[in-house]
N, C-alpha and C. Protein backbone atom coordinates (compact mmCIF):
# COMPACT_ATOMS: atom_id res chain seq x y z
N MET A 1 89.30 82.76 136.77
CA MET A 1 89.26 84.26 137.04
C MET A 1 90.33 85.09 136.13
N ASP A 2 89.73 86.33 135.82
CA ASP A 2 90.71 86.97 135.25
C ASP A 2 91.68 88.11 135.92
N ILE A 3 92.50 88.63 135.50
CA ILE A 3 93.53 89.43 136.24
C ILE A 3 92.96 90.36 137.05
N ARG A 4 91.72 90.92 136.36
CA ARG A 4 91.55 92.37 137.50
C ARG A 4 90.41 91.73 138.61
N GLN A 5 89.88 90.51 138.38
CA GLN A 5 89.39 89.93 139.73
C GLN A 5 90.46 89.48 140.53
N LEU A 6 91.72 89.19 140.07
CA LEU A 6 92.76 88.59 141.10
C LEU A 6 93.41 89.52 141.82
N VAL A 7 93.58 90.90 141.04
CA VAL A 7 94.19 92.11 141.55
C VAL A 7 93.08 92.58 142.57
N ASP A 8 91.72 92.64 142.24
CA ASP A 8 90.74 93.02 143.11
C ASP A 8 90.70 92.16 144.69
N ILE A 9 91.16 91.04 144.56
CA ILE A 9 91.11 89.98 145.79
C ILE A 9 92.26 90.37 146.58
N ALA A 10 93.64 90.66 145.77
CA ALA A 10 94.92 91.05 146.65
C ALA A 10 94.66 92.62 147.42
N ILE A 11 94.13 93.11 146.57
CA ILE A 11 93.73 94.75 147.39
C ILE A 11 93.06 94.47 148.65
N ASP A 12 91.83 93.66 148.80
CA ASP A 12 90.97 93.38 149.31
C ASP A 12 91.91 92.46 150.79
N GLU A 13 92.57 91.66 150.27
CA GLU A 13 93.32 91.12 151.61
C GLU A 13 94.32 91.82 151.96
N ASP A 14 94.58 92.88 151.57
CA ASP A 14 96.04 93.69 152.23
C ASP A 14 95.46 95.18 151.82
N PRO A 15 94.42 95.88 152.51
CA PRO A 15 93.97 96.98 152.13
C PRO A 15 95.03 98.31 152.21
N ARG A 16 95.79 98.18 153.45
CA ARG A 16 97.00 99.31 154.15
C ARG A 16 97.76 98.84 152.92
N ALA A 17 98.18 98.06 152.23
CA ALA A 17 99.39 98.15 151.52
C ALA A 17 99.36 99.41 150.25
N PRO A 18 100.53 100.00 150.31
CA PRO A 18 100.61 101.03 149.04
C PRO A 18 100.46 100.52 147.76
N CYS A 19 101.22 99.52 147.26
CA CYS A 19 101.67 99.02 146.27
C CYS A 19 101.28 97.50 146.05
N LEU A 20 101.17 97.23 144.68
CA LEU A 20 100.84 95.76 144.25
C LEU A 20 101.77 95.44 143.12
N TRP A 21 102.45 94.15 143.37
CA TRP A 21 103.24 93.80 142.11
C TRP A 21 102.15 92.67 141.34
N VAL A 22 102.53 92.96 140.02
CA VAL A 22 101.65 91.55 139.10
C VAL A 22 102.61 90.94 138.13
N PRO A 23 102.68 89.88 137.79
CA PRO A 23 103.54 89.12 136.87
C PRO A 23 103.62 90.13 135.34
N SER A 24 104.80 90.01 134.87
CA SER A 24 105.08 90.80 133.76
C SER A 24 104.19 90.55 132.62
N GLU A 25 103.74 88.92 132.58
CA GLU A 25 103.08 88.44 131.61
C GLU A 25 101.65 88.72 131.79
N LEU A 26 101.16 89.18 133.00
CA LEU A 26 99.71 89.66 133.07
C LEU A 26 99.57 91.29 133.14
N PHE A 27 100.73 92.07 133.13
CA PHE A 27 100.55 93.37 133.35
C PHE A 27 100.06 94.04 132.42
N PRO A 28 99.98 93.75 130.95
CA PRO A 28 99.36 94.48 129.80
C PRO A 28 98.11 94.16 129.76
N GLU A 29 97.69 92.87 130.22
CA GLU A 29 96.14 92.46 130.31
C GLU A 29 95.32 93.22 131.44
N LEU A 30 96.24 93.34 132.57
CA LEU A 30 95.22 94.38 133.58
C LEU A 30 95.51 95.74 133.03
N CYS A 31 96.31 95.96 132.64
CA CYS A 31 95.79 97.72 131.93
C CYS A 31 95.05 97.53 130.88
N ALA A 32 94.62 96.91 130.03
CA ALA A 32 93.57 96.71 129.10
C ALA A 32 92.48 96.76 129.91
N ALA A 33 92.48 95.72 131.02
CA ALA A 33 91.08 95.58 131.68
C ALA A 33 90.71 96.99 132.39
N ILE A 34 91.52 97.76 132.97
CA ILE A 34 91.26 98.89 134.02
C ILE A 34 91.25 99.83 132.95
N GLY A 35 91.22 99.96 131.46
CA GLY A 35 91.67 101.21 130.54
C GLY A 35 92.56 102.02 130.90
N GLN A 36 93.89 101.88 131.36
CA GLN A 36 95.15 102.66 131.69
C GLN A 36 96.24 102.11 131.01
N GLN A 37 97.25 103.12 130.61
CA GLN A 37 98.71 102.82 130.30
C GLN A 37 99.35 103.17 131.34
N PRO A 38 100.46 102.56 131.49
CA PRO A 38 101.54 103.10 132.48
C PRO A 38 102.26 104.23 132.65
N ASN A 39 102.48 105.08 133.52
CA ASN A 39 102.98 106.17 133.63
C ASN A 39 104.36 106.06 133.22
N LEU A 40 105.09 107.13 133.27
CA LEU A 40 106.31 107.46 133.05
C LEU A 40 107.57 106.14 134.26
N VAL A 41 107.07 106.13 135.04
CA VAL A 41 107.67 105.22 135.98
C VAL A 41 107.30 103.44 135.51
N GLY A 42 106.21 103.37 135.00
CA GLY A 42 105.82 102.21 134.48
C GLY A 42 104.86 101.69 135.46
N ALA A 43 104.27 102.76 136.24
CA ALA A 43 102.85 101.94 137.20
C ALA A 43 101.55 102.37 136.79
N VAL A 44 100.58 101.86 137.27
CA VAL A 44 99.36 102.45 136.77
C VAL A 44 98.50 102.34 138.41
N ILE A 45 97.64 103.09 138.35
CA ILE A 45 96.93 103.60 139.48
C ILE A 45 95.36 102.79 139.41
N TYR A 46 95.24 102.09 140.30
CA TYR A 46 93.91 101.32 140.31
C TYR A 46 93.37 101.33 141.72
N ARG A 47 92.34 101.69 142.30
CA ARG A 47 91.49 101.42 143.60
C ARG A 47 92.55 102.20 144.47
N ASN A 48 93.18 103.20 144.16
CA ASN A 48 94.14 104.10 145.17
C ASN A 48 95.48 103.25 145.18
N LYS A 49 95.70 102.43 144.48
CA LYS A 49 96.90 101.36 144.56
C LYS A 49 97.90 101.97 143.49
N THR A 50 99.02 101.93 143.75
CA THR A 50 100.09 101.90 142.56
C THR A 50 100.39 100.63 142.47
N ILE A 51 100.27 100.25 140.96
CA ILE A 51 100.25 98.65 140.54
C ILE A 51 101.62 98.76 139.46
N ARG A 52 102.57 97.83 139.94
CA ARG A 52 103.52 97.73 139.25
C ARG A 52 103.96 96.38 138.59
N ASP A 53 104.74 96.22 137.72
CA ASP A 53 105.17 95.02 136.83
C ASP A 53 106.15 94.43 137.80
N GLY A 54 105.96 93.45 138.60
CA GLY A 54 106.66 92.60 139.45
C GLY A 54 107.99 91.56 138.72
N GLY A 55 108.08 91.78 137.39
CA GLY A 55 108.61 90.86 136.47
C GLY A 55 108.20 89.53 136.35
N PRO A 56 109.01 88.59 135.57
CA PRO A 56 108.30 87.29 135.01
C PRO A 56 108.10 86.39 136.25
N TYR A 57 107.10 86.08 135.93
CA TYR A 57 106.79 84.45 136.82
C TYR A 57 106.68 84.75 138.44
N CYS A 58 106.41 86.20 138.85
CA CYS A 58 106.07 86.57 140.13
C CYS A 58 104.75 86.26 140.53
N ASP A 59 104.45 86.47 142.08
CA ASP A 59 103.09 86.15 142.25
C ASP A 59 102.35 87.21 142.43
N ILE A 60 101.20 87.41 142.20
CA ILE A 60 100.50 89.00 142.53
C ILE A 60 100.35 88.86 144.00
N THR A 61 101.50 90.38 144.56
CA THR A 61 101.68 90.04 146.12
C THR A 61 101.76 91.90 146.08
N THR A 62 101.34 91.95 147.73
CA THR A 62 101.75 93.59 148.02
C THR A 62 103.03 93.53 148.64
N ARG A 63 103.90 92.53 148.81
CA ARG A 63 105.26 92.73 149.11
C ARG A 63 106.10 92.85 147.88
N ALA A 64 107.26 93.64 148.32
CA ALA A 64 108.08 93.77 147.23
C ALA A 64 108.73 92.47 146.78
N PRO A 65 108.98 92.34 145.14
CA PRO A 65 109.32 91.16 144.74
C PRO A 65 110.89 90.71 145.10
């Protein structure tokens, strides 16, 4: 699975969560896959979720890292 599919699964599993954190090493790949660049605070919006860089080696999660 690629990062976009993993993010889609995480969003579907917790649809009420306002944010999603992804590992630093996968964040640029996600941005390229969804065709967006991070805004001034370092987040992208995808499927009405704020997606942020969660730091190195974190899990894809809807909980604060």
